[in-house]
């Protein structure tokens, strides 16, 4: 019984790693631009307080967050999200960039 549980755990870990490795790479985009990441349609955002974020719609079992780069080069991260059940999820950073948000990219968990 213990051997079966270990094998199942190993198979589950291998499948999760394979899904992350097979996921497409994404390019950083400026706020207001859209991009596709696998089955997700994502929109890079920036609010009046210069906080960057991502809003992704679709169904894909991957845990992700927004990776926000400010004009001065500082990098901030949004909250972790997962679209396994579909719908729209938002990941917003508390970057408060000094000048503006330079670009935003999706950061999947590896």
N, C-alpha and C. Protein backbone atom coordinates (compact mmCIF):
# COMPACT_ATOMS: atom_id res chain seq x y z
N UNK A 1 0.83 -1.20 0.00
CA UNK A 1 0.00 0.00 0.00
C UNK A 1 0.87 1.26 0.00
N UNK A 2 1.92 1.29 0.84
CA UNK A 2 2.80 2.46 0.89
C UNK A 2 3.50 2.65 -0.44
N UNK A 3 3.88 1.57 -1.08
CA UNK A 3 4.56 1.64 -2.37
C UNK A 3 3.63 2.24 -3.42
N UNK A 4 2.38 1.87 -3.41
CA UNK A 4 1.41 2.40 -4.37
C UNK A 4 1.21 3.91 -4.17
N UNK A 5 1.13 4.33 -2.93
CA UNK A 5 0.96 5.76 -2.63
C UNK A 5 2.18 6.53 -3.09
N UNK A 6 3.36 6.00 -2.86
CA UNK A 6 4.59 6.66 -3.30
C UNK A 6 4.63 6.75 -4.83
N UNK A 7 4.23 5.68 -5.50
CA UNK A 7 4.23 5.70 -6.96
C UNK A 7 3.24 6.73 -7.49
N UNK A 8 2.07 6.79 -6.88
CA UNK A 8 1.07 7.77 -7.30
C UNK A 8 1.58 9.20 -7.06
N UNK A 9 2.22 9.42 -5.94
CA UNK A 9 2.77 10.74 -5.65
C UNK A 9 3.86 11.11 -6.65
N UNK A 10 4.70 10.15 -7.00
CA UNK A 10 5.77 10.40 -7.96
C UNK A 10 5.20 10.70 -9.35
N UNK A 11 4.16 9.96 -9.74
CA UNK A 11 3.52 10.20 -11.04
C UNK A 11 2.86 11.57 -11.05
N UNK A 12 2.19 11.93 -9.98
CA UNK A 12 1.55 13.25 -9.88
C UNK A 12 2.57 14.38 -9.97
N UNK A 13 3.69 14.23 -9.28
CA UNK A 13 4.75 15.24 -9.33
C UNK A 13 5.32 15.35 -10.74
N UNK A 14 5.55 14.21 -11.38
CA UNK A 14 6.09 14.22 -12.74
C UNK A 14 5.13 14.88 -13.71
N UNK A 15 3.83 14.61 -13.58
CA UNK A 15 2.84 15.23 -14.48
C UNK A 15 2.76 16.73 -14.27
N UNK A 16 2.82 17.17 -13.02
CA UNK A 16 2.78 18.60 -12.74
C UNK A 16 4.00 19.29 -13.33
N UNK A 17 5.17 18.69 -13.15
CA UNK A 17 6.40 19.27 -13.71
C UNK A 17 6.33 19.32 -15.22
N UNK A 18 5.79 18.28 -15.84
CA UNK A 18 5.68 18.24 -17.30
C UNK A 18 4.76 19.34 -17.81
N UNK A 19 3.64 19.59 -17.11
CA UNK A 19 2.71 20.65 -17.52
C UNK A 19 3.38 22.01 -17.47
N UNK A 20 4.15 22.26 -16.41
CA UNK A 20 4.83 23.55 -16.28
C UNK A 20 5.90 23.70 -17.36
N UNK A 21 6.65 22.65 -17.62
CA UNK A 21 7.71 22.71 -18.62
C UNK A 21 7.14 22.84 -20.03
N UNK A 22 5.98 22.27 -20.28
CA UNK A 22 5.38 22.32 -21.61
C UNK A 22 4.60 23.62 -21.84
N UNK A 23 4.36 24.37 -20.79
CA UNK A 23 3.62 25.62 -20.95
C UNK A 23 4.43 26.59 -21.81
N UNK A 24 3.77 27.36 -22.62
CA UNK A 24 4.48 28.28 -23.51
C UNK A 24 5.15 29.39 -22.73
N UNK A 25 6.23 29.92 -23.30
CA UNK A 25 6.87 31.07 -22.68
C UNK A 25 6.08 32.32 -23.06
N UNK A 26 6.12 33.31 -22.22
CA UNK A 26 5.41 34.55 -22.48
C UNK A 26 6.41 35.69 -22.55
N UNK A 27 6.09 36.70 -23.32
CA UNK A 27 6.93 37.88 -23.42
C UNK A 27 6.32 38.99 -22.58
N UNK A 28 7.18 39.82 -21.99
CA UNK A 28 6.69 40.95 -21.21
C UNK A 28 6.03 41.96 -22.14
N UNK A 29 4.93 42.53 -21.68
CA UNK A 29 4.19 43.52 -22.48
C UNK A 29 3.93 44.76 -21.63
N UNK A 30 3.69 45.87 -22.31
CA UNK A 30 3.36 47.11 -21.63
C UNK A 30 1.92 47.07 -21.13
N UNK A 31 1.60 47.84 -20.08
CA UNK A 31 0.22 47.89 -19.61
C UNK A 31 -0.74 48.27 -20.74
N UNK A 32 -1.87 47.60 -20.77
CA UNK A 32 -2.87 47.84 -21.80
C UNK A 32 -2.80 46.84 -22.95
N UNK A 33 -1.71 46.08 -23.03
CA UNK A 33 -1.56 45.10 -24.09
C UNK A 33 -2.03 43.73 -23.63
N UNK A 34 -2.46 42.92 -24.59
CA UNK A 34 -2.92 41.55 -24.34
C UNK A 34 -1.91 40.56 -24.88
N UNK A 35 -1.92 39.35 -24.28
CA UNK A 35 -1.12 38.25 -24.79
C UNK A 35 -1.78 36.94 -24.39
N UNK A 36 -1.39 35.87 -25.07
CA UNK A 36 -1.91 34.53 -24.75
C UNK A 36 -0.82 33.76 -24.03
N UNK A 37 -1.23 33.02 -23.01
CA UNK A 37 -0.35 32.09 -22.31
C UNK A 37 -1.11 30.77 -22.24
N UNK A 38 -0.78 29.85 -23.12
CA UNK A 38 -1.53 28.60 -23.18
C UNK A 38 -2.99 28.89 -23.50
N UNK A 39 -3.90 28.47 -22.63
CA UNK A 39 -5.33 28.70 -22.83
C UNK A 39 -5.82 29.97 -22.15
N UNK A 40 -4.90 30.76 -21.62
CA UNK A 40 -5.28 32.00 -20.93
C UNK A 40 -5.10 33.21 -21.85
N UNK A 41 -6.09 34.10 -21.82
CA UNK A 41 -6.01 35.38 -22.52
C UNK A 41 -5.76 36.43 -21.45
N UNK A 42 -4.59 37.07 -21.48
CA UNK A 42 -4.19 37.96 -20.39
C UNK A 42 -4.08 39.41 -20.84
N UNK A 43 -4.41 40.31 -19.93
CA UNK A 43 -4.32 41.74 -20.15
C UNK A 43 -3.42 42.33 -19.07
N UNK A 44 -2.34 43.02 -19.48
CA UNK A 44 -1.46 43.71 -18.54
C UNK A 44 -2.13 45.02 -18.13
N UNK A 45 -2.08 45.33 -16.84
CA UNK A 45 -2.76 46.51 -16.33
C UNK A 45 -1.83 47.38 -15.49
N UNK A 46 -2.21 48.63 -15.32
CA UNK A 46 -1.53 49.56 -14.44
C UNK A 46 -2.58 50.56 -13.96
N UNK A 47 -2.65 50.80 -12.66
CA UNK A 47 -3.65 51.73 -12.15
C UNK A 47 -3.05 53.12 -11.91
N UNK A 48 -3.85 54.04 -11.39
CA UNK A 48 -3.39 55.42 -11.17
C UNK A 48 -2.28 55.50 -10.14
N UNK A 49 -2.18 54.51 -9.24
CA UNK A 49 -1.12 54.50 -8.22
C UNK A 49 0.14 53.81 -8.71
N UNK A 50 0.18 53.49 -10.01
CA UNK A 50 1.33 52.84 -10.66
C UNK A 50 1.59 51.45 -10.11
N UNK A 51 0.50 50.73 -9.80
CA UNK A 51 0.57 49.32 -9.43
C UNK A 51 0.28 48.51 -10.68
N UNK A 52 1.17 47.58 -11.03
CA UNK A 52 0.97 46.75 -12.20
C UNK A 52 0.24 45.47 -11.84
N UNK A 53 -0.33 44.83 -12.85
CA UNK A 53 -1.04 43.58 -12.61
C UNK A 53 -1.40 42.88 -13.90
N UNK A 54 -2.03 41.72 -13.75
CA UNK A 54 -2.52 40.93 -14.87
C UNK A 54 -3.95 40.50 -14.59
N UNK A 55 -4.73 40.46 -15.64
CA UNK A 55 -6.07 39.91 -15.58
C UNK A 55 -6.13 38.83 -16.66
N UNK A 56 -6.27 37.55 -16.25
CA UNK A 56 -6.25 36.44 -17.20
C UNK A 56 -7.58 35.70 -17.18
N UNK A 57 -8.11 35.42 -18.37
CA UNK A 57 -9.38 34.74 -18.56
C UNK A 57 -9.15 33.44 -19.31
N UNK A 58 -9.84 32.39 -18.88
CA UNK A 58 -9.73 31.10 -19.54
C UNK A 58 -9.66 29.98 -18.51
N UNK A 59 -9.41 28.78 -19.00
CA UNK A 59 -9.27 27.62 -18.13
C UNK A 59 -7.94 26.95 -18.41
N UNK A 60 -7.08 26.93 -17.40
CA UNK A 60 -5.78 26.28 -17.50
C UNK A 60 -5.29 26.00 -16.09
N UNK A 61 -4.92 24.77 -15.83
CA UNK A 61 -4.50 24.39 -14.49
C UNK A 61 -3.03 24.71 -14.28
N UNK A 62 -2.75 25.98 -14.07
CA UNK A 62 -1.40 26.44 -13.74
C UNK A 62 -1.53 27.57 -12.73
N UNK A 63 -0.67 27.56 -11.74
CA UNK A 63 -0.66 28.62 -10.73
C UNK A 63 0.30 29.69 -11.22
N UNK A 64 -0.14 30.95 -11.20
CA UNK A 64 0.64 32.04 -11.77
C UNK A 64 0.45 33.32 -10.96
N UNK A 65 1.30 34.28 -11.26
CA UNK A 65 1.17 35.62 -10.67
C UNK A 65 1.75 36.63 -11.65
N UNK A 66 1.45 37.90 -11.43
CA UNK A 66 1.99 38.97 -12.26
C UNK A 66 3.40 39.29 -11.80
N UNK A 67 4.30 39.48 -12.75
CA UNK A 67 5.66 39.95 -12.47
C UNK A 67 5.75 41.33 -13.11
N UNK A 68 5.90 42.35 -12.28
CA UNK A 68 5.82 43.75 -12.72
C UNK A 68 7.20 44.39 -12.62
N UNK A 69 7.61 45.01 -13.73
CA UNK A 69 8.90 45.73 -13.75
C UNK A 69 8.62 47.22 -13.88
N UNK A 70 9.21 48.00 -12.97
CA UNK A 70 9.06 49.46 -13.00
C UNK A 70 10.13 50.09 -13.88
N UNK A 71 9.90 51.34 -14.30
CA UNK A 71 10.85 52.06 -15.17
C UNK A 71 12.25 52.12 -14.56
N UNK A 72 12.38 52.18 -13.24
CA UNK A 72 13.70 52.26 -12.61
C UNK A 72 14.35 50.88 -12.44
N UNK A 73 13.67 49.83 -12.90
CA UNK A 73 14.26 48.50 -12.87
C UNK A 73 13.84 47.63 -11.70
N UNK A 74 13.10 48.16 -10.74
CA UNK A 74 12.64 47.34 -9.63
C UNK A 74 11.57 46.37 -10.10
N UNK A 75 11.56 45.17 -9.52
CA UNK A 75 10.59 44.14 -9.89
C UNK A 75 9.71 43.81 -8.70
N UNK A 76 8.42 43.70 -8.96
CA UNK A 76 7.43 43.37 -7.93
C UNK A 76 6.57 42.23 -8.41
N UNK A 77 5.93 41.52 -7.48
CA UNK A 77 5.10 40.36 -7.82
C UNK A 77 3.69 40.54 -7.28
N UNK A 78 2.72 40.06 -8.05
CA UNK A 78 1.33 40.10 -7.63
C UNK A 78 0.97 38.86 -6.83
N UNK A 79 -0.30 38.72 -6.54
CA UNK A 79 -0.80 37.59 -5.76
C UNK A 79 -0.90 36.35 -6.64
N UNK A 80 -0.76 35.17 -6.04
CA UNK A 80 -0.87 33.90 -6.77
C UNK A 80 -2.31 33.64 -7.15
N UNK A 81 -2.50 33.15 -8.38
CA UNK A 81 -3.83 32.83 -8.90
C UNK A 81 -3.79 31.48 -9.60
N UNK A 82 -4.99 30.88 -9.82
CA UNK A 82 -5.09 29.64 -10.58
C UNK A 82 -6.43 29.65 -11.32
N UNK A 83 -6.39 29.38 -12.62
CA UNK A 83 -7.59 29.38 -13.46
C UNK A 83 -8.07 27.96 -13.76
N UNK A 84 -7.83 27.01 -12.87
CA UNK A 84 -8.22 25.62 -13.11
C UNK A 84 -9.73 25.48 -13.33
N UNK A 85 -10.51 26.31 -12.67
CA UNK A 85 -11.97 26.24 -12.78
C UNK A 85 -12.52 27.25 -13.77
N UNK A 86 -11.64 27.92 -14.49
CA UNK A 86 -12.08 28.89 -15.50
C UNK A 86 -12.38 30.25 -14.91
N UNK A 87 -12.87 31.12 -15.77
CA UNK A 87 -13.22 32.47 -15.35
C UNK A 87 -12.05 33.43 -15.50
N UNK A 88 -12.20 34.58 -14.85
CA UNK A 88 -11.17 35.62 -14.89
C UNK A 88 -10.57 35.77 -13.50
N UNK A 89 -9.25 35.79 -13.46
CA UNK A 89 -8.52 35.98 -12.20
C UNK A 89 -7.59 37.17 -12.37
N UNK A 90 -7.43 37.94 -11.29
CA UNK A 90 -6.57 39.12 -11.30
C UNK A 90 -5.43 38.96 -10.31
N UNK A 91 -4.23 39.30 -10.73
CA UNK A 91 -3.06 39.31 -9.87
C UNK A 91 -2.50 40.72 -9.92
N UNK A 92 -2.55 41.42 -8.79
CA UNK A 92 -2.14 42.82 -8.75
C UNK A 92 -1.00 42.99 -7.76
N UNK A 93 0.02 43.74 -8.16
CA UNK A 93 1.15 44.02 -7.26
C UNK A 93 0.90 45.31 -6.50
N UNK A 94 1.64 45.49 -5.45
CA UNK A 94 1.64 46.76 -4.71
C UNK A 94 2.94 47.47 -5.06
N UNK A 95 3.21 47.62 -6.35
CA UNK A 95 4.50 48.13 -6.81
C UNK A 95 4.68 49.63 -6.57
N UNK A 96 3.64 50.41 -6.76
CA UNK A 96 3.73 51.86 -6.60
C UNK A 96 5.02 52.38 -7.24
N UNK A 97 5.20 52.06 -8.52
CA UNK A 97 6.41 52.45 -9.26
C UNK A 97 6.60 53.97 -9.20
N UNK A 98 7.85 54.42 -9.06
CA UNK A 98 8.15 55.85 -8.95
C UNK A 98 7.71 56.62 -10.19
N UNK A 99 8.01 56.11 -11.38
CA UNK A 99 7.63 56.80 -12.61
C UNK A 99 6.45 56.13 -13.28
N UNK A 100 6.62 54.88 -13.65
CA UNK A 100 5.53 54.14 -14.29
C UNK A 100 5.89 52.65 -14.35
N UNK A 101 4.89 51.85 -14.69
CA UNK A 101 5.10 50.42 -14.91
C UNK A 101 5.70 50.27 -16.30
N UNK A 102 6.85 49.61 -16.40
CA UNK A 102 7.50 49.41 -17.70
C UNK A 102 6.87 48.24 -18.45
N UNK A 103 6.80 47.08 -17.77
CA UNK A 103 6.17 45.93 -18.41
C UNK A 103 5.69 44.93 -17.38
N UNK A 104 4.83 44.01 -17.86
CA UNK A 104 4.23 42.98 -17.01
C UNK A 104 4.34 41.65 -17.76
N UNK A 105 4.61 40.59 -17.02
CA UNK A 105 4.71 39.25 -17.60
C UNK A 105 4.05 38.27 -16.63
N UNK A 106 3.62 37.13 -17.14
CA UNK A 106 3.06 36.10 -16.28
C UNK A 106 4.22 35.29 -15.70
N UNK A 107 4.14 34.99 -14.42
CA UNK A 107 5.17 34.23 -13.72
C UNK A 107 4.52 32.93 -13.20
N UNK A 108 4.61 31.83 -13.97
CA UNK A 108 3.99 30.57 -13.51
C UNK A 108 4.86 29.92 -12.45
N UNK A 109 4.23 29.16 -11.56
CA UNK A 109 4.98 28.43 -10.54
C UNK A 109 5.73 27.28 -11.20
N UNK A 110 6.95 27.09 -10.80
CA UNK A 110 7.77 26.03 -11.41
C UNK A 110 7.96 24.89 -10.45
